[in-house]
Amino acid sequence: MNNVIVAVFMWLLVLTLALRARTRPDNTLLKASIVIAASLTADIDGLYLWAAERLPWPNGLDLSANVLLIFGVYYLSRAIAHAAGAAGLADGAKALWLRRTAVITVVIMAVSFAFIDDPEPSASFMQDYGHQPAATVYSGIQYLYILAVMAGTLATCLRNVPLMRRRRFRVGFRIIALGCVAGIVLCGSVIVMDMANVTGNEQLRRAVANVYDVANPLTVLLLSSGLAVAPIGRFLSDFGVRRQIRVLEPRLRAVWLSTVAQTPAVSLVGTTAQSVADTHGKSTRNAEDTIHRLVIEIHDWMDLAENRGRQISPADRDVVSQAEALCLKQGRSL
């Protein structure tokens, strides 16, 4: 059941990230999430056994899924480093080291897997074949790599969260940091279980399995939730801006028509009453541009010497103030 839960959480993250895929300049995080989601899906017991019976190598799907997981975790760590503002970690010598280590890890996994005697497909691979040293190497090396990546990602989050300006990023990366802590516990529990399997310490294996059963879904839940906070926050922010624009734009147009339209020379970009009144088919971006232009022209009208003695009403002043706040929120200068 845990395998189904973690796969569902990852696919929900994929759907969340896909909402803005066409407008996002870098979709490394989306691609990494798809790879990890595919890996976790392959571990669902019923699906795994169905596919394993049709493959030439009884448990070849286990190797394939874990190779996908290694590369997915690598690209996920790069995407998190980019998003956290640690570009040096994502593109520099440390990234090269992580990439080479991922390749070495996969090679060791493949070689050790070839020495495992696994005649029958098994949805509990390490429980059934973990007594073999080759299986211990196969499982242990991949979780050592993931543990190192989780530790590095945790350090990146802790170092960069205080520097983040937007609240949604601070919240998201704090949750990611908690997910990394859970991931470190998860990796540690797997390594201990591997050692317990190969030494025949069944009591230790069962005790640590309880930790694994909690840490596994918790890690995926925290990481996927943390990674989803920023795009969901951006979506809600954009929705709020669109709603504010729908209310504010016609009111600001009315202010413009009662001020700037009466002094055509103020409009330095050729704005006309007809163009201001025509809002048919405008996109949100065009509406933002219009509001910005109208605010600037209203400011110019208020600064004219001949208009300094004329005051706009408090209600109109409030509309202009709201429009100014919206422009500043969008990073536009006034």
Protein backbone atom coordinates (compact mmCIF):
# COMPACT_ATOMS: atom_id res chain seq x y z
CA MET A 1 0.00 0.00 0.00
CA ASN A 2 2.88 2.37 0.80
CA ASN A 3 4.20 1.95 -2.74
CA VAL A 4 0.86 3.08 -4.16
CA ILE A 5 0.77 6.11 -1.85
CA VAL A 6 4.26 7.34 -2.75
CA ALA A 7 3.63 6.84 -6.46
CA VAL A 8 0.38 8.82 -6.26
CA PHE A 9 2.11 11.70 -4.46
CA MET A 10 4.83 11.87 -7.11
CA TRP A 11 2.34 11.84 -9.98
CA LEU A 12 0.38 14.61 -8.25
CA LEU A 13 3.61 16.61 -8.15
CA VAL A 14 4.11 15.93 -11.86
CA LEU A 15 0.61 17.22 -12.62
CA THR A 16 1.23 20.33 -10.48
CA LEU A 17 4.50 21.12 -12.24
CA ALA A 18 2.96 20.44 -15.65
CA LEU A 19 0.45 23.28 -15.19
CA ARG A 20 3.12 25.88 -16.01
CA ALA A 21 5.47 23.74 -18.09
CA ARG A 22 4.97 25.78 -21.27
CA THR A 23 5.89 29.08 -19.61
CA ARG A 24 8.67 27.78 -17.35
CA PRO A 25 12.18 28.38 -18.77
CA ASP A 26 13.65 25.24 -17.17
CA ASN A 27 11.65 22.02 -16.76
CA THR A 28 14.42 19.92 -15.19
CA LEU A 29 12.34 19.53 -12.04
CA LEU A 30 9.35 18.28 -14.03
CA LYS A 31 11.48 15.76 -15.94
CA ALA A 32 13.13 14.53 -12.75
CA SER A 33 9.72 14.14 -11.10
CA ILE A 34 8.43 12.09 -14.05
CA VAL A 35 11.45 9.78 -13.87
CA ILE A 36 11.08 9.30 -10.11
CA ALA A 37 7.31 8.79 -10.43
CA ALA A 38 7.89 6.12 -13.09
CA SER A 39 10.43 4.42 -10.83
CA LEU A 40 8.07 4.40 -7.85
CA THR A 41 5.18 3.19 -10.03
CA ALA A 42 7.26 0.21 -11.16
CA ASP A 43 7.59 -0.79 -7.49
CA ILE A 44 3.84 -1.27 -7.00
CA ASP A 45 3.55 -4.97 -6.16
CA GLY A 46 0.83 -6.02 -8.58
CA LEU A 47 2.26 -4.05 -11.49
CA TYR A 48 5.78 -5.24 -10.74
CA LEU A 49 4.85 -8.93 -10.68
CA TRP A 50 2.72 -8.59 -13.83
CA ALA A 51 5.61 -6.98 -15.74
CA ALA A 52 8.31 -9.23 -14.24
CA GLU A 53 6.58 -12.35 -15.52
CA ARG A 54 6.80 -10.98 -19.06
CA LEU A 55 10.44 -9.89 -18.95
CA PRO A 56 13.36 -12.19 -19.83
CA TRP A 57 15.15 -11.39 -16.54
CA PRO A 58 12.94 -12.29 -13.53
CA ASN A 59 13.70 -9.13 -11.52
CA GLY A 60 15.17 -6.93 -14.22
CA LEU A 61 12.42 -4.40 -13.57
CA ASP A 62 13.81 -3.87 -10.05
CA LEU A 63 17.18 -2.87 -11.51
CA SER A 64 15.54 -0.65 -14.13
CA ALA A 65 13.36 1.10 -11.54
CA ASN A 66 16.30 1.74 -9.23
CA VAL A 67 18.48 3.08 -12.04
CA LEU A 68 15.68 5.50 -12.90
CA LEU A 69 15.51 6.47 -9.23
CA ILE A 70 19.25 7.25 -9.10
CA PHE A 71 19.16 9.52 -12.14
CA GLY A 72 15.86 11.06 -11.06
CA VAL A 73 17.31 11.93 -7.65
CA TYR A 74 20.40 13.41 -9.31
CA TYR A 75 18.40 15.70 -11.59
CA LEU A 76 16.02 16.52 -8.75
CA SER A 77 18.93 17.72 -6.61
CA ARG A 78 20.18 19.88 -9.48
CA ALA A 79 16.75 21.42 -9.98
CA ILE A 80 16.40 22.15 -6.25
CA ALA A 81 19.86 23.77 -6.20
CA HIS A 82 18.87 25.96 -9.17
CA ALA A 83 15.57 26.92 -7.56
CA ALA A 84 17.29 27.70 -4.27
CA GLY A 85 19.66 30.07 -6.04
CA ALA A 86 22.72 27.85 -5.62
CA ALA A 87 23.67 27.81 -9.30
CA GLY A 88 27.27 26.94 -8.47
CA LEU A 89 26.13 23.69 -6.87
CA ALA A 90 23.91 22.89 -9.85
CA ASP A 91 26.49 23.54 -12.59
CA GLY A 92 29.96 23.52 -11.02
CA ALA A 93 32.47 20.96 -9.84
CA LYS A 94 30.07 19.53 -7.25
CA ALA A 95 27.48 18.85 -9.94
CA LEU A 96 30.13 17.08 -12.03
CA TRP A 97 31.08 15.01 -8.99
CA LEU A 98 27.44 14.07 -8.38
CA ARG A 99 26.96 13.11 -12.03
CA ARG A 100 30.06 10.93 -12.10
CA THR A 101 29.11 9.36 -8.78
CA ALA A 102 25.64 8.59 -10.15
CA VAL A 103 27.16 6.80 -13.15
CA ILE A 104 29.59 4.86 -10.93
CA THR A 105 26.69 3.93 -8.62
CA VAL A 106 24.65 2.59 -11.53
CA VAL A 107 27.60 0.56 -12.84
CA ILE A 108 28.17 -1.02 -9.40
CA MET A 109 24.44 -1.72 -9.12
CA ALA A 110 24.35 -3.45 -12.51
CA VAL A 111 27.45 -5.56 -11.82
CA SER A 112 26.31 -6.63 -8.35
CA PHE A 113 22.78 -7.33 -9.62
CA ALA A 114 24.23 -9.74 -12.19
CA PHE A 115 25.68 -11.85 -9.37
CA ILE A 116 22.39 -12.15 -7.45
CA ASP A 117 20.74 -15.55 -7.66
CA ASP A 118 17.09 -14.54 -8.12
CA PRO A 119 15.29 -17.27 -10.08
CA GLU A 120 11.77 -16.04 -9.28
CA PRO A 121 10.18 -12.57 -9.56
CA SER A 122 9.74 -11.00 -6.13
CA ALA A 123 7.89 -7.87 -5.04
CA SER A 124 9.95 -7.97 -1.81
CA PHE A 125 13.30 -8.38 -3.52
CA MET A 126 15.66 -7.59 -0.63
CA GLN A 127 13.61 -9.57 1.88
CA ASP A 128 13.82 -12.66 -0.34
CA TYR A 129 17.35 -12.30 -1.72
CA GLY A 130 18.99 -9.85 0.70
CA HIS A 131 20.98 -12.62 2.43
CA GLN A 132 23.33 -12.64 -0.58
CA PRO A 133 26.34 -10.27 -0.35
CA ALA A 134 25.78 -9.15 -3.95
CA ALA A 135 22.26 -8.01 -3.02
CA THR A 136 23.66 -6.06 -0.06
CA VAL A 137 26.07 -4.23 -2.37
CA TYR A 138 23.31 -3.66 -4.94
CA SER A 139 20.93 -2.06 -2.44
CA GLY A 140 23.50 -0.42 -0.18
CA ILE A 141 25.36 1.49 -2.89
CA GLN A 142 22.22 3.12 -4.26
CA TYR A 143 21.03 4.26 -0.86
CA LEU A 144 24.48 5.54 0.07
CA TYR A 145 24.30 7.72 -3.04
CA ILE A 146 20.77 8.91 -2.26
CA LEU A 147 21.81 9.63 1.34
CA ALA A 148 24.71 11.79 0.11
CA VAL A 149 22.41 13.68 -2.26
CA MET A 150 19.81 14.21 0.46
CA ALA A 151 22.47 15.53 2.84
CA GLY A 152 23.79 17.92 0.19
CA THR A 153 20.29 19.11 -0.69
CA LEU A 154 19.50 19.65 2.99
CA ALA A 155 22.61 21.81 3.33
CA THR A 156 21.59 23.80 0.23
CA CYS A 157 18.12 24.44 1.65
CA LEU A 158 19.38 25.48 5.08
CA ARG A 159 21.97 27.80 3.55
CA ASN A 160 19.64 29.52 1.08
CA VAL A 161 16.23 29.69 2.79
CA PRO A 162 17.15 32.80 4.87
CA LEU A 163 18.09 34.61 1.63
CA MET A 164 14.75 34.00 -0.10
CA ARG A 165 12.46 37.01 -0.44
CA ARG A 166 9.20 35.31 -1.34
CA ARG A 167 7.31 33.56 1.44
CA ARG A 168 6.15 30.68 -0.75
CA PHE A 169 9.77 29.76 -1.53
CA ARG A 170 10.79 29.94 2.11
CA VAL A 171 7.88 27.68 3.13
CA GLY A 172 8.46 25.27 0.25
CA PHE A 173 12.17 24.85 0.87
CA ARG A 174 11.67 24.40 4.60
CA ILE A 175 9.34 21.50 3.80
CA ILE A 176 11.92 20.15 1.32
CA ALA A 177 14.53 20.34 4.09
CA LEU A 178 12.26 18.25 6.33
CA GLY A 179 11.84 15.82 3.45
CA CYS A 180 15.63 15.55 3.17
CA VAL A 181 15.86 14.75 6.88
CA ALA A 182 13.22 12.03 6.43
CA GLY A 183 15.13 10.82 3.36
CA ILE A 184 18.35 10.53 5.35
CA VAL A 185 16.51 8.46 7.97
CA LEU A 186 15.00 6.36 5.16
CA CYS A 187 18.40 5.67 3.58
CA GLY A 188 19.93 4.86 6.95
CA SER A 189 17.15 2.39 7.72
CA VAL A 190 17.60 0.65 4.35
CA ILE A 191 21.35 0.30 4.86
CA VAL A 192 20.82 -1.14 8.35
CA MET A 193 18.22 -3.59 6.98
CA ASP A 194 20.65 -4.65 4.25
CA MET A 195 23.27 -5.42 6.88
CA ALA A 196 20.68 -7.25 8.98
CA ASN A 197 19.65 -9.35 5.97
CA VAL A 198 23.17 -10.43 5.06
CA THR A 199 24.05 -11.24 8.69
CA GLY A 200 20.77 -13.04 9.32
CA ASN A 201 19.68 -10.72 12.13
CA GLU A 202 15.95 -10.97 11.55
CA GLN A 203 15.02 -9.22 14.79
CA LEU A 204 17.00 -6.11 13.84
CA ARG A 205 15.59 -6.17 10.32
CA ARG A 206 12.01 -6.24 11.58
CA ALA A 207 12.64 -3.44 14.09
CA VAL A 208 14.21 -1.16 11.48
CA ALA A 209 11.50 -2.08 8.95
CA ASN A 210 9.03 -0.16 11.11
CA VAL A 211 11.18 2.96 10.70
CA TYR A 212 11.36 2.36 6.94
CA ASP A 213 7.58 1.94 6.67
CA VAL A 214 7.11 5.43 8.14
CA ALA A 215 10.10 7.18 6.56
CA ASN A 216 9.39 5.99 3.01
CA PRO A 217 5.97 7.65 2.46
CA LEU A 218 6.92 10.58 4.72
CA THR A 219 9.96 11.40 2.58
CA VAL A 220 7.99 11.42 -0.65
CA LEU A 221 5.09 13.32 0.95
CA LEU A 222 7.36 16.08 2.30
CA LEU A 223 9.51 16.40 -0.82
CA SER A 224 6.58 16.42 -3.24
CA SER A 225 4.62 18.84 -1.04
CA GLY A 226 7.59 21.17 -0.65
CA LEU A 227 8.28 21.17 -4.38
CA ALA A 228 4.60 21.86 -5.10
CA VAL A 229 4.32 24.88 -2.75
CA ALA A 230 6.04 27.37 -5.08
CA PRO A 231 4.08 26.54 -8.28
CA ILE A 232 0.78 26.36 -6.39
CA GLY A 233 1.60 29.66 -4.67
CA ARG A 234 2.42 31.20 -8.05
CA PHE A 235 -0.85 29.92 -9.49
CA LEU A 236 -2.87 31.36 -6.59
CA SER A 237 -0.96 34.65 -6.83
CA ASP A 238 -1.65 34.91 -10.56
CA PHE A 239 -5.30 34.08 -9.96
CA GLY A 240 -5.50 36.86 -7.36
CA VAL A 241 -3.84 39.32 -9.74
CA ARG A 242 -6.26 38.45 -12.56
CA ARG A 243 -9.19 38.90 -10.20
CA GLN A 244 -7.81 42.24 -8.99
CA ILE A 245 -7.28 43.40 -12.56
CA ARG A 246 -10.86 42.58 -13.54
CA VAL A 247 -12.11 44.80 -10.72
CA LEU A 248 -9.49 47.54 -10.93
CA GLU A 249 -9.03 48.15 -14.64
CA PRO A 250 -12.49 49.58 -15.45
CA ARG A 251 -12.32 51.85 -12.38
CA LEU A 252 -8.87 53.12 -13.38
CA ARG A 253 -10.07 53.70 -16.94
CA ALA A 254 -12.86 55.86 -15.55
CA VAL A 255 -10.30 57.95 -13.62
CA TRP A 256 -8.16 58.29 -16.76
CA LEU A 257 -11.15 59.36 -18.86
CA SER A 258 -12.04 62.08 -16.34
CA THR A 259 -8.47 63.41 -16.14
CA VAL A 260 -5.95 62.57 -18.84
CA ALA A 261 -8.54 62.31 -21.59
CA GLN A 262 -9.39 65.97 -20.94
CA THR A 263 -5.72 66.91 -21.55
CA PRO A 264 -4.59 64.85 -24.59
CA ALA A 265 -1.03 66.25 -24.55
CA VAL A 266 -0.33 64.32 -21.35
CA SER A 267 -0.54 60.97 -23.15
CA LEU A 268 3.02 60.54 -24.35
CA VAL A 269 2.41 57.16 -26.02
CA GLY A 270 -0.62 58.07 -28.03
CA THR A 271 -3.26 56.61 -25.73
CA THR A 272 -6.75 57.54 -26.85
CA ALA A 273 -10.09 57.42 -25.13
CA GLN A 274 -11.20 54.80 -27.66
CA SER A 275 -8.17 52.56 -27.01
CA VAL A 276 -8.68 52.84 -23.26
CA ALA A 277 -12.36 52.02 -23.53
CA ASP A 278 -11.68 48.99 -25.78
CA THR A 279 -10.81 46.03 -23.53
CA HIS A 280 -12.12 43.22 -25.75
CA GLY A 281 -9.80 40.24 -25.99
CA LYS A 282 -7.09 41.61 -23.72
CA SER A 283 -4.81 39.11 -22.01
CA THR A 284 -3.76 39.48 -18.39
CA ARG A 285 -0.33 40.71 -19.52
CA ASN A 286 -1.89 43.32 -21.81
CA ALA A 287 -4.20 44.42 -19.00
CA GLU A 288 -1.21 44.82 -16.68
CA ASP A 289 0.55 46.91 -19.33
CA THR A 290 -2.55 49.06 -19.73
CA ILE A 291 -2.87 49.67 -15.98
CA HIS A 292 0.82 50.59 -15.77
CA ARG A 293 0.51 53.04 -18.65
CA LEU A 294 -2.64 54.64 -17.28
CA VAL A 295 -1.08 55.10 -13.83
CA ILE A 296 1.95 56.84 -15.33
CA GLU A 297 -0.23 59.14 -17.43
CA ILE A 298 -2.45 59.99 -14.45
CA HIS A 299 0.75 60.85 -12.52
CA ASP A 300 1.83 63.09 -15.40
CA TRP A 301 -1.58 64.77 -15.44
CA MET A 302 -1.37 65.43 -11.69
CA ASP A 303 2.15 66.91 -12.08
CA LEU A 304 1.13 69.42 -14.76
CA ALA A 305 1.28 72.96 -13.40
CA GLU A 306 -2.17 73.76 -14.75
CA ASN A 307 -3.64 70.75 -12.91
CA ARG A 308 -1.92 71.15 -9.55
CA GLY A 309 -4.82 73.06 -8.17
CA ARG A 310 -7.27 70.38 -9.28
CA GLN A 311 -7.74 67.45 -6.94
CA ILE A 312 -9.15 64.07 -7.84
CA SER A 313 -11.74 62.66 -5.49
CA PRO A 314 -10.71 60.45 -2.55
CA ALA A 315 -12.39 57.50 -4.26
CA ASP A 316 -10.36 58.07 -7.43
CA ARG A 317 -7.21 58.55 -5.37
CA ASP A 318 -7.87 55.17 -3.74
CA VAL A 319 -8.22 53.54 -7.17
CA VAL A 320 -4.91 55.05 -8.30
CA SER A 321 -3.23 53.89 -5.07
CA GLN A 322 -4.46 50.33 -5.64
CA ALA A 323 -3.18 50.44 -9.21
CA GLU A 324 0.20 51.74 -7.99
CA ALA A 325 0.43 48.89 -5.49
CA LEU A 326 -0.39 46.36 -8.21
CA CYS A 327 2.31 47.78 -10.51
CA LEU A 328 4.92 47.69 -7.76
CA LYS A 329 3.91 44.11 -6.89
CA GLN A 330 4.59 43.17 -10.52
CA GLY A 331 8.02 44.81 -10.32
CA ARG A 332 7.12 47.77 -12.53
CA SER A 333 8.65 51.17 -11.82
CA LEU A 334 6.44 54.26 -11.45
